[in-house]
Amino acid sequence: MEFEWDEAKSQSCFLSRGFDFAYAAKAFFDSGRQIKADLRHSYGEARFNLYGRIESRVFVLVYTQRGNATRIISARKANSREITLYENNTHQN
């Protein structure tokens, strides 16, 4: 799997949240990951929200597909509501 991102946004994520996009990309390899289309706005490209676990934390990533690459747009730790949804949906599958 090939990833790409804006390095300045990745660095900003690291400074504000303590992890960069390279670390966040590990969520794609969670066998229980969940992906939902992001339909909130018209971005001019399809965007997706990925909920996935890295070590003991659940993360939320926004990404799009650009050619063969998965472009990470943003990443953050999941809030308590998102963690509950992730855990409930993971146990149902």
PDB file of N, CA and C in Angstrom:
ATOM      1  N   MET A   1       0.850  -1.173   0.000  1.00  0.00           N
ATOM      2  CA  MET A   1       0.000   0.000   0.000  1.00  0.00           C
ATOM      3  C   MET A   1       0.897   1.236   0.000  1.00  0.00           C
ATOM      4  N   GLU A   2       0.605   2.153  -0.895  1.00  0.00           N
ATOM      5  CA  GLU A   2       1.403   3.385  -1.023  1.00  0.00           C
ATOM      6  C   GLU A   2       0.638   4.554  -0.406  1.00  0.00           C
ATOM      7  N   PHE A   3       1.324   5.312   0.451  1.00  0.00           N
ATOM      8  CA  PHE A   3       0.724   6.474   1.107  1.00  0.00           C
ATOM      9  C   PHE A   3       1.431   7.742   0.670  1.00  0.00           C
ATOM     10  N   GLU A   4       0.685   8.840   0.696  1.00  0.00           N
ATOM     11  CA  GLU A   4       1.275  10.163   0.477  1.00  0.00           C
ATOM     12  C   GLU A   4       0.512  11.152   1.347  1.00  0.00           C
ATOM     13  N   TRP A   5       1.121  12.299   1.579  1.00  0.00           N
ATOM     14  CA  TRP A   5       0.496  13.356   2.369  1.00  0.00           C
ATOM     15  C   TRP A   5       1.282  14.629   2.211  1.00  0.00           C
ATOM     16  N   ASP A   6       0.679  15.710   2.644  1.00  0.00           N
ATOM     17  CA  ASP A   6       1.340  17.008   2.691  1.00  0.00           C
ATOM     18  C   ASP A   6       2.238  17.003   3.927  1.00  0.00           C
ATOM     19  N   GLU A   7       3.532  17.146   3.708  1.00  0.00           N
ATOM     20  CA  GLU A   7       4.491  17.050   4.815  1.00  0.00           C
ATOM     21  C   GLU A   7       4.263  18.134   5.865  1.00  0.00           C
ATOM     22  N   ALA A   8       3.863  19.336   5.445  1.00  0.00           N
ATOM     23  CA  ALA A   8       3.598  20.409   6.409  1.00  0.00           C
ATOM     24  C   ALA A   8       2.409  20.049   7.305  1.00  0.00           C
ATOM     25  N   LYS A   9       1.372  19.426   6.740  1.00  0.00           N
ATOM     26  CA  LYS A   9       0.221  19.011   7.550  1.00  0.00           C
ATOM     27  C   LYS A   9       0.600  17.881   8.500  1.00  0.00           C
ATOM     28  N   SER A  10       1.447  16.978   8.037  1.00  0.00           N
ATOM     29  CA  SER A  10       1.911  15.896   8.898  1.00  0.00           C
ATOM     30  C   SER A  10       2.708  16.449  10.074  1.00  0.00           C
ATOM     31  N   GLN A  11       3.571  17.407   9.796  1.00  0.00           N
ATOM     32  CA  GLN A  11       4.375  18.031  10.851  1.00  0.00           C
ATOM     33  C   GLN A  11       3.478  18.795  11.826  1.00  0.00           C
ATOM     34  N   SER A  12       2.476  19.479  11.316  1.00  0.00           N
ATOM     35  CA  SER A  12       1.527  20.200  12.166  1.00  0.00           C
ATOM     36  C   SER A  12       0.778  19.227  13.077  1.00  0.00           C
ATOM     37  N   CYS A  13       0.394  18.086  12.537  1.00  0.00           N
ATOM     38  CA  CYS A  13      -0.270  17.052  13.326  1.00  0.00           C
ATOM     39  C   CYS A  13       0.659  16.580  14.443  1.00  0.00           C
ATOM     40  N   PHE A  14       1.918  16.386  14.112  1.00  0.00           N
ATOM     41  CA  PHE A  14       2.882  15.943  15.124  1.00  0.00           C
ATOM     42  C   PHE A  14       3.018  16.969  16.243  1.00  0.00           C
ATOM     43  N   LEU A  15       3.115  18.226  15.863  1.00  0.00           N
ATOM     44  CA  LEU A  15       3.295  19.277  16.867  1.00  0.00           C
ATOM     45  C   LEU A  15       2.065  19.446  17.761  1.00  0.00           C
ATOM     46  N   SER A  16       0.872  19.294  17.188  1.00  0.00           N
ATOM     47  CA  SER A  16      -0.340  19.517  17.981  1.00  0.00           C
ATOM     48  C   SER A  16      -0.889  18.256  18.639  1.00  0.00           C
ATOM     49  N   ARG A  17      -0.608  17.079  18.042  1.00  0.00           N
ATOM     50  CA  ARG A  17      -1.236  15.850  18.538  1.00  0.00           C
ATOM     51  C   ARG A  17      -0.248  14.777  18.973  1.00  0.00           C
ATOM     52  N   GLY A  18       1.036  14.980  18.682  1.00  0.00           N
ATOM     53  CA  GLY A  18       2.042  14.037  19.152  1.00  0.00           C
ATOM     54  C   GLY A  18       2.324  12.863  18.242  1.00  0.00           C
ATOM     55  N   PHE A  19       1.771  12.859  17.033  1.00  0.00           N
ATOM     56  CA  PHE A  19       2.060  11.803  16.060  1.00  0.00           C
ATOM     57  C   PHE A  19       1.948  12.395  14.664  1.00  0.00           C
ATOM     58  N   ASP A  20       2.671  11.794  13.719  1.00  0.00           N
ATOM     59  CA  ASP A  20       2.627  12.272  12.337  1.00  0.00           C
ATOM     60  C   ASP A  20       1.806  11.309  11.487  1.00  0.00           C
ATOM     61  N   PHE A  21       1.661  11.633  10.214  1.00  0.00           N
ATOM     62  CA  PHE A  21       0.848  10.808   9.322  1.00  0.00           C
ATOM     63  C   PHE A  21       1.478   9.441   9.063  1.00  0.00           C
ATOM     64  N   ALA A  22       2.802   9.345   9.108  1.00  0.00           N
ATOM     65  CA  ALA A  22       3.448   8.040   8.925  1.00  0.00           C
ATOM     66  C   ALA A  22       3.003   7.084  10.032  1.00  0.00           C
ATOM     67  N   TYR A  23       2.939   7.575  11.247  1.00  0.00           N
ATOM     68  CA  TYR A  23       2.453   6.754  12.362  1.00  0.00           C
ATOM     69  C   TYR A  23       0.964   6.447  12.175  1.00  0.00           C
ATOM     70  N   ALA A  24       0.170   7.450  11.833  1.00  0.00           N
ATOM     71  CA  ALA A  24      -1.276   7.278  11.678  1.00  0.00           C
ATOM     72  C   ALA A  24      -1.617   6.269  10.583  1.00  0.00           C
ATOM     73  N   ALA A  25      -0.773   6.149   9.571  1.00  0.00           N
ATOM     74  CA  ALA A  25      -1.029   5.218   8.466  1.00  0.00           C
ATOM     75  C   ALA A  25      -1.134   3.778   8.948  1.00  0.00           C
ATOM     76  N   LYS A  26      -0.595   3.474  10.113  1.00  0.00           N
ATOM     77  CA  LYS A  26      -0.688   2.116  10.662  1.00  0.00           C
ATOM     78  C   LYS A  26      -2.139   1.691  10.871  1.00  0.00           C
ATOM     79  N   ALA A  27      -3.056   2.651  11.018  1.00  0.00           N
ATOM     80  CA  ALA A  27      -4.473   2.329  11.220  1.00  0.00           C
ATOM     81  C   ALA A  27      -5.055   1.572  10.025  1.00  0.00           C
ATOM     82  N   PHE A  28      -4.476   1.754   8.843  1.00  0.00           N
ATOM     83  CA  PHE A  28      -4.957   1.048   7.654  1.00  0.00           C
ATOM     84  C   PHE A  28      -4.742  -0.458   7.763  1.00  0.00           C
ATOM     85  N   PHE A  29      -3.851  -0.887   8.629  1.00  0.00           N
ATOM     86  CA  PHE A  29      -3.517  -2.301   8.746  1.00  0.00           C
ATOM     87  C   PHE A  29      -4.246  -2.986   9.899  1.00  0.00           C
ATOM     88  N   ASP A  30      -5.150  -2.274  10.555  1.00  0.00           N
ATOM     89  CA  ASP A  30      -5.993  -2.852  11.597  1.00  0.00           C
ATOM     90  C   ASP A  30      -7.036  -3.736  10.915  1.00  0.00           C
ATOM     91  N   SER A  31      -7.068  -5.012  11.261  1.00  0.00           N
ATOM     92  CA  SER A  31      -8.028  -5.925  10.619  1.00  0.00           C
ATOM     93  C   SER A  31      -9.474  -5.560  10.950  1.00  0.00           C
ATOM     94  N   GLY A  32      -9.696  -4.800  12.017  1.00  0.00           N
ATOM     95  CA  GLY A  32     -11.040  -4.371  12.376  1.00  0.00           C
ATOM     96  C   GLY A  32     -11.375  -2.962  11.918  1.00  0.00           C
ATOM     97  N   ARG A  33     -10.530  -2.392  11.056  1.00  0.00           N
ATOM     98  CA  ARG A  33     -10.743  -1.004  10.616  1.00  0.00           C
ATOM     99  C   ARG A  33     -12.113  -0.860   9.965  1.00  0.00           C
ATOM    100  N   GLN A  34     -12.644   0.348  10.068  1.00  0.00           N
ATOM    101  CA  GLN A  34     -13.937   0.657   9.469  1.00  0.00           C
ATOM    102  C   GLN A  34     -13.775   1.889   8.592  1.00  0.00           C
ATOM    103  N   ILE A  35     -14.391   1.843   7.432  1.00  0.00           N
ATOM    104  CA  ILE A  35     -14.278   2.935   6.470  1.00  0.00           C
ATOM    105  C   ILE A  35     -15.678   3.396   6.096  1.00  0.00           C
ATOM    106  N   LYS A  36     -15.866   4.698   6.155  1.00  0.00           N
ATOM    107  CA  LYS A  36     -17.151   5.293   5.788  1.00  0.00           C
ATOM    108  C   LYS A  36     -16.893   6.466   4.847  1.00  0.00           C
ATOM    109  N   ALA A  37     -17.742   6.613   3.846  1.00  0.00           N
ATOM    110  CA  ALA A  37     -17.624   7.754   2.931  1.00  0.00           C
ATOM    111  C   ALA A  37     -17.892   9.040   3.700  1.00  0.00           C
ATOM    112  N   ASP A  38     -17.130  10.073   3.421  1.00  0.00           N
ATOM    113  CA  ASP A  38     -17.329  11.396   4.024  1.00  0.00           C
ATOM    114  C   ASP A  38     -18.200  12.196   3.066  1.00  0.00           C
ATOM    115  N   LEU A  39     -19.474  12.324   3.393  1.00  0.00           N
ATOM    116  CA  LEU A  39     -20.445  12.975   2.511  1.00  0.00           C
ATOM    117  C   LEU A  39     -20.830  14.369   2.989  1.00  0.00           C
ATOM    118  N   ARG A  40     -20.105  14.920   3.968  1.00  0.00           N
ATOM    119  CA  ARG A  40     -20.490  16.199   4.568  1.00  0.00           C
ATOM    120  C   ARG A  40     -20.384  17.366   3.599  1.00  0.00           C
ATOM    121  N   HIS A  41     -19.403  17.374   2.732  1.00  0.00           N
ATOM    122  CA  HIS A  41     -19.176  18.487   1.811  1.00  0.00           C
ATOM    123  C   HIS A  41     -18.837  17.944   0.430  1.00  0.00           C
ATOM    124  N   SER A  42     -18.919  18.807  -0.558  1.00  0.00           N
ATOM    125  CA  SER A  42     -18.469  18.462  -1.897  1.00  0.00           C
ATOM    126  C   SER A  42     -17.020  18.915  -2.025  1.00  0.00           C
ATOM    127  N   TYR A  43     -16.111  17.967  -1.933  1.00  0.00           N
ATOM    128  CA  TYR A  43     -14.687  18.282  -1.951  1.00  0.00           C
ATOM    129  C   TYR A  43     -14.084  18.252  -3.357  1.00  0.00           C
ATOM    130  N   GLY A  44     -14.835  17.785  -4.328  1.00  0.00           N
ATOM    131  CA  GLY A  44     -14.288  17.632  -5.662  1.00  0.00           C
ATOM    132  C   GLY A  44     -13.590  16.296  -5.852  1.00  0.00           C
ATOM    133  N   GLU A  45     -13.547  15.491  -4.788  1.00  0.00           N
ATOM    134  CA  GLU A  45     -12.983  14.145  -4.847  1.00  0.00           C
ATOM    135  C   GLU A  45     -13.629  13.337  -3.726  1.00  0.00           C
ATOM    136  N   ALA A  46     -13.675  12.033  -3.885  1.00  0.00           N
ATOM    137  CA  ALA A  46     -14.251  11.180  -2.844  1.00  0.00           C
ATOM    138  C   ALA A  46     -13.320  11.156  -1.635  1.00  0.00           C
ATOM    139  N   ARG A  47     -13.894  11.402  -0.466  1.00  0.00           N
ATOM    140  CA  ARG A  47     -13.121  11.336   0.778  1.00  0.00           C
ATOM    141  C   ARG A  47     -13.743  10.287   1.690  1.00  0.00           C
ATOM    142  N   PHE A  48     -12.890   9.697   2.497  1.00  0.00           N
ATOM    143  CA  PHE A  48     -13.315   8.622   3.382  1.00  0.00           C
ATOM    144  C   PHE A  48     -12.780   8.850   4.783  1.00  0.00           C
ATOM    145  N   ASN A  49     -13.553   8.378   5.766  1.00  0.00           N
ATOM    146  CA  ASN A  49     -13.114   8.375   7.157  1.00  0.00           C
ATOM    147  C   ASN A  49     -12.766   6.941   7.519  1.00  0.00           C
ATOM    148  N   LEU A  50     -11.583   6.750   8.043  1.00  0.00           N
ATOM    149  CA  LEU A  50     -11.149   5.434   8.493  1.00  0.00           C
ATOM    150  C   LEU A  50     -11.027   5.467  10.007  1.00  0.00           C
ATOM    151  N   TYR A  51     -11.614   4.464  10.651  1.00  0.00           N
ATOM    152  CA  TYR A  51     -11.502   4.289  12.092  1.00  0.00           C
ATOM    153  C   TYR A  51     -10.682   3.025  12.301  1.00  0.00           C
ATOM    154  N   GLY A  52      -9.545   3.157  12.944  1.00  0.00           N
ATOM    155  CA  GLY A  52      -8.682   2.000  13.125  1.00  0.00           C
ATOM    156  C   GLY A  52      -7.844   2.108  14.382  1.00  0.00           C
ATOM    157  N   ARG A  53      -7.473   0.947  14.895  1.00  0.00           N
ATOM    158  CA  ARG A  53      -6.703   0.883  16.131  1.00  0.00           C
ATOM    159  C   ARG A  53      -5.211   0.793  15.811  1.00  0.00           C
ATOM    160  N   ILE A  54      -4.441   1.572  16.554  1.00  0.00           N
ATOM    161  CA  ILE A  54      -2.982   1.478  16.548  1.00  0.00           C
ATOM    162  C   ILE A  54      -2.594   1.248  17.997  1.00  0.00           C
ATOM    163  N   GLU A  55      -1.968   0.108  18.244  1.00  0.00           N
ATOM    164  CA  GLU A  55      -1.654  -0.294  19.610  1.00  0.00           C
ATOM    165  C   GLU A  55      -2.953  -0.277  20.411  1.00  0.00           C
ATOM    166  N   SER A  56      -3.086   0.515  21.438  1.00  0.00           N
ATOM    167  CA  SER A  56      -4.301   0.471  22.258  1.00  0.00           C
ATOM    168  C   SER A  56      -5.247   1.644  22.005  1.00  0.00           C
ATOM    169  N   ARG A  57      -4.956   2.481  20.998  1.00  0.00           N
ATOM    170  CA  ARG A  57      -5.777   3.671  20.732  1.00  0.00           C
ATOM    171  C   ARG A  57      -6.509   3.547  19.409  1.00  0.00           C
ATOM    172  N   VAL A  58      -7.705   4.131  19.354  1.00  0.00           N
ATOM    173  CA  VAL A  58      -8.453   4.216  18.101  1.00  0.00           C
ATOM    174  C   VAL A  58      -8.189   5.593  17.501  1.00  0.00           C
ATOM    175  N   PHE A  59      -7.923   5.613  16.207  1.00  0.00           N
ATOM    176  CA  PHE A  59      -7.639   6.841  15.476  1.00  0.00           C
ATOM    177  C   PHE A  59      -8.669   7.029  14.371  1.00  0.00           C
ATOM    178  N   VAL A  60      -8.843   8.283  13.964  1.00  0.00           N
ATOM    179  CA  VAL A  60      -9.715   8.636  12.845  1.00  0.00           C
ATOM    180  C   VAL A  60      -8.848   9.319  11.797  1.00  0.00           C
ATOM    181  N   LEU A  61      -8.855   8.785  10.592  1.00  0.00           N
ATOM    182  CA  LEU A  61      -8.109   9.377   9.486  1.00  0.00           C
ATOM    183  C   LEU A  61      -9.079   9.767   8.387  1.00  0.00           C
ATOM    184  N   VAL A  62      -8.834  10.886   7.753  1.00  0.00           N
ATOM    185  CA  VAL A  62      -9.553  11.284   6.548  1.00  0.00           C
ATOM    186  C   VAL A  62      -8.570  11.107   5.402  1.00  0.00           C
ATOM    187  N   TYR A  63      -9.025  10.442   4.333  1.00  0.00           N
ATOM    188  CA  TYR A  63      -8.125  10.191   3.210  1.00  0.00           C
ATOM    189  C   TYR A  63      -8.898  10.165   1.905  1.00  0.00           C
ATOM    190  N   THR A  64      -8.144  10.193   0.822  1.00  0.00           N
ATOM    191  CA  THR A  64      -8.699  10.051  -0.511  1.00  0.00           C
ATOM    192  C   THR A  64      -7.751   9.175  -1.321  1.00  0.00           C
ATOM    193  N   GLN A  65      -8.232   8.653  -2.426  1.00  0.00           N
ATOM    194  CA  GLN A  65      -7.375   7.895  -3.350  1.00  0.00           C
ATOM    195  C   GLN A  65      -6.942   8.823  -4.473  1.00  0.00           C
ATOM    196  N   ARG A  66      -5.673   8.876  -4.725  1.00  0.00           N
ATOM    197  CA  ARG A  66      -5.140   9.647  -5.856  1.00  0.00           C
ATOM    198  C   ARG A  66      -4.252   8.715  -6.659  1.00  0.00           C
ATOM    199  N   GLY A  67      -4.787   8.261  -7.767  1.00  0.00           N
ATOM    200  CA  GLY A  67      -4.066   7.272  -8.556  1.00  0.00           C
ATOM    201  C   GLY A  67      -3.910   6.009  -7.730  1.00  0.00           C
ATOM    202  N   ASN A  68      -2.684   5.512  -7.632  1.00  0.00           N
ATOM    203  CA  ASN A  68      -2.415   4.305  -6.857  1.00  0.00           C
ATOM    204  C   ASN A  68      -2.125   4.596  -5.391  1.00  0.00           C
ATOM    205  N   ALA A  69      -2.084   5.857  -5.019  1.00  0.00           N
ATOM    206  CA  ALA A  69      -1.698   6.229  -3.657  1.00  0.00           C
ATOM    207  C   ALA A  69      -2.915   6.575  -2.798  1.00  0.00           C
ATOM    208  N   THR A  70      -2.801   6.269  -1.532  1.00  0.00           N
ATOM    209  CA  THR A  70      -3.768   6.692  -0.526  1.00  0.00           C
ATOM    210  C   THR A  70      -3.219   7.965   0.090  1.00  0.00           C
ATOM    211  N   ARG A  71      -3.929   9.070  -0.109  1.00  0.00           N
ATOM    212  CA  ARG A  71      -3.463  10.367   0.399  1.00  0.00           C
ATOM    213  C   ARG A  71      -4.157  10.678   1.721  1.00  0.00           C
ATOM    214  N   ILE A  72      -3.367  10.747   2.787  1.00  0.00           N
ATOM    215  CA  ILE A  72      -3.895  11.078   4.108  1.00  0.00           C
ATOM    216  C   ILE A  72      -4.062  12.588   4.192  1.00  0.00           C
ATOM    217  N   ILE A  73      -5.264  13.016   4.569  1.00  0.00           N
ATOM    218  CA  ILE A  73      -5.596  14.439   4.646  1.00  0.00           C
ATOM    219  C   ILE A  73      -5.517  14.930   6.087  1.00  0.00           C
ATOM    220  N   SER A  74      -5.990  14.102   7.012  1.00  0.00           N
ATOM    221  CA  SER A  74      -5.913  14.468   8.426  1.00  0.00           C
ATOM    222  C   SER A  74      -5.963  13.211   9.278  1.00  0.00           C
ATOM    223  N   ALA A  75      -5.541  13.353  10.532  1.00  0.00           N
ATOM    224  CA  ALA A  75      -5.555  12.235  11.478  1.00  0.00           C
ATOM    225  C   ALA A  75      -5.657  12.788  12.890  1.00  0.00           C
ATOM    226  N   ARG A  76      -6.383  12.046  13.713  1.00  0.00           N
ATOM    227  CA  ARG A  76      -6.517  12.433  15.119  1.00  0.00           C
ATOM    228  C   ARG A  76      -6.909  11.205  15.924  1.00  0.00           C
ATOM    229  N   LYS A  77      -6.768  11.315  17.243  1.00  0.00           N
ATOM    230  CA  LYS A  77      -7.252  10.265  18.129  1.00  0.00           C
ATOM    231  C   LYS A  77      -8.772  10.354  18.173  1.00  0.00           C
ATOM    232  N   ALA A  78      -9.422   9.198  18.197  1.00  0.00           N
ATOM    233  CA  ALA A  78     -10.882   9.154  18.238  1.00  0.00           C
ATOM    234  C   ALA A  78     -11.398   9.680  19.570  1.00  0.00           C
ATOM    235  N   ASN A  79     -12.568  10.319  19.528  1.00  0.00           N
ATOM    236  CA  ASN A  79     -13.208  10.751  20.772  1.00  0.00           C
ATOM    237  C   ASN A  79     -13.978   9.569  21.372  1.00  0.00           C
ATOM    238  N   SER A  80     -14.523   9.744  22.557  1.00  0.00           N
ATOM    239  CA  SER A  80     -15.166   8.630  23.268  1.00  0.00           C
ATOM    240  C   SER A  80     -16.356   8.062  22.487  1.00  0.00           C
ATOM    241  N   ARG A  81     -17.124   8.898  21.830  1.00  0.00           N
ATOM    242  CA  ARG A  81     -18.257   8.415  21.024  1.00  0.00           C
ATOM    243  C   ARG A  81     -17.767   7.551  19.867  1.00  0.00           C
ATOM    244  N   GLU A  82     -16.724   7.999  19.191  1.00  0.00           N
ATOM    245  CA  GLU A  82     -16.175   7.248  18.058  1.00  0.00           C
ATOM    246  C   GLU A  82     -15.553   5.934  18.512  1.00  0.00           C
ATOM    247  N   ILE A  83     -14.933   5.928  19.674  1.00  0.00           N
ATOM    248  CA  ILE A  83     -14.360   4.688  20.207  1.00  0.00           C
ATOM    249  C   ILE A  83     -15.467   3.672  20.466  1.00  0.00           C
ATOM    250  N   THR A  84     -16.559   4.122  21.078  1.00  0.00           N
ATOM    251  CA  THR A  84     -17.691   3.231  21.354  1.00  0.00           C
ATOM    252  C   THR A  84     -18.267   2.672  20.059  1.00  0.00           C
ATOM    253  N   LEU A  85     -18.473   3.517  19.052  1.00  0.00           N
ATOM    254  CA  LEU A  85     -18.982   3.045  17.759  1.00  0.00           C
ATOM    255  C   LEU A  85     -18.029   2.042  17.123  1.00  0.00           C
ATOM    256  N   TYR A  86     -16.731   2.338  17.162  1.00  0.00           N
ATOM    257  CA  TYR A  86     -15.725   1.431  16.600  1.00  0.00           C
ATOM    258  C   TYR A  86     -15.805   0.077  17.295  1.00  0.00           C
ATOM    259  N   GLU A  87     -15.804   0.093  18.622  1.00  0.00           N
ATOM    260  CA  GLU A  87     -15.811  -1.165  19.373  1.00  0.00           C
ATOM    261  C   GLU A  87     -17.097  -1.946  19.148  1.00  0.00           C
ATOM    262  N   ASN A  88     -18.234  -1.269  19.121  1.00  0.00           N
ATOM    263  CA  ASN A  88     -19.504  -1.962  18.881  1.00  0.00           C
ATOM    264  C   ASN A  88     -19.556  -2.567  17.488  1.00  0.00           C
ATOM    265  N   ASN A  89     -19.109  -1.838  16.477  1.00  0.00           N
ATOM    266  CA  ASN A  89     -19.124  -2.342  15.100  1.00  0.00           C
ATOM    267  C   ASN A  89     -18.090  -3.425  14.880  1.00  0.00           C
ATOM    268  N   THR A  90     -16.953  -3.339  15.538  1.00  0.00           N
ATOM    269  CA  THR A  90     -15.911  -4.359  15.390  1.00  0.00           C
ATOM    270  C   THR A  90     -16.385  -5.688  15.954  1.00  0.00           C
ATOM    271  N   HIS A  91     -17.089  -5.659  17.076  1.00  0.00           N
ATOM    272  CA  HIS A  91     -17.554  -6.894  17.707  1.00  0.00           C
ATOM    273  C   HIS A  91     -18.714  -7.527  16.951  1.00  0.00           C
ATOM    274  N   GLN A  92     -19.415  -6.753  16.116  1.00  0.00           N
ATOM    275  CA  GLN A  92     -20.529  -7.298  15.342  1.00  0.00           C
ATOM    276  C   GLN A  92     -20.040  -8.043  14.115  1.00  0.00           C
ATOM    277  N   ASN A  93     -18.851  -7.711  13.632  1.00  0.00           N
ATOM    278  CA  ASN A  93     -18.339  -8.332  12.394  1.00  0.00           C
ATOM    279  C   ASN A  93     -17.642  -9.630  12.675  1.00  0.00           C
TER     280      ASN A  93
END
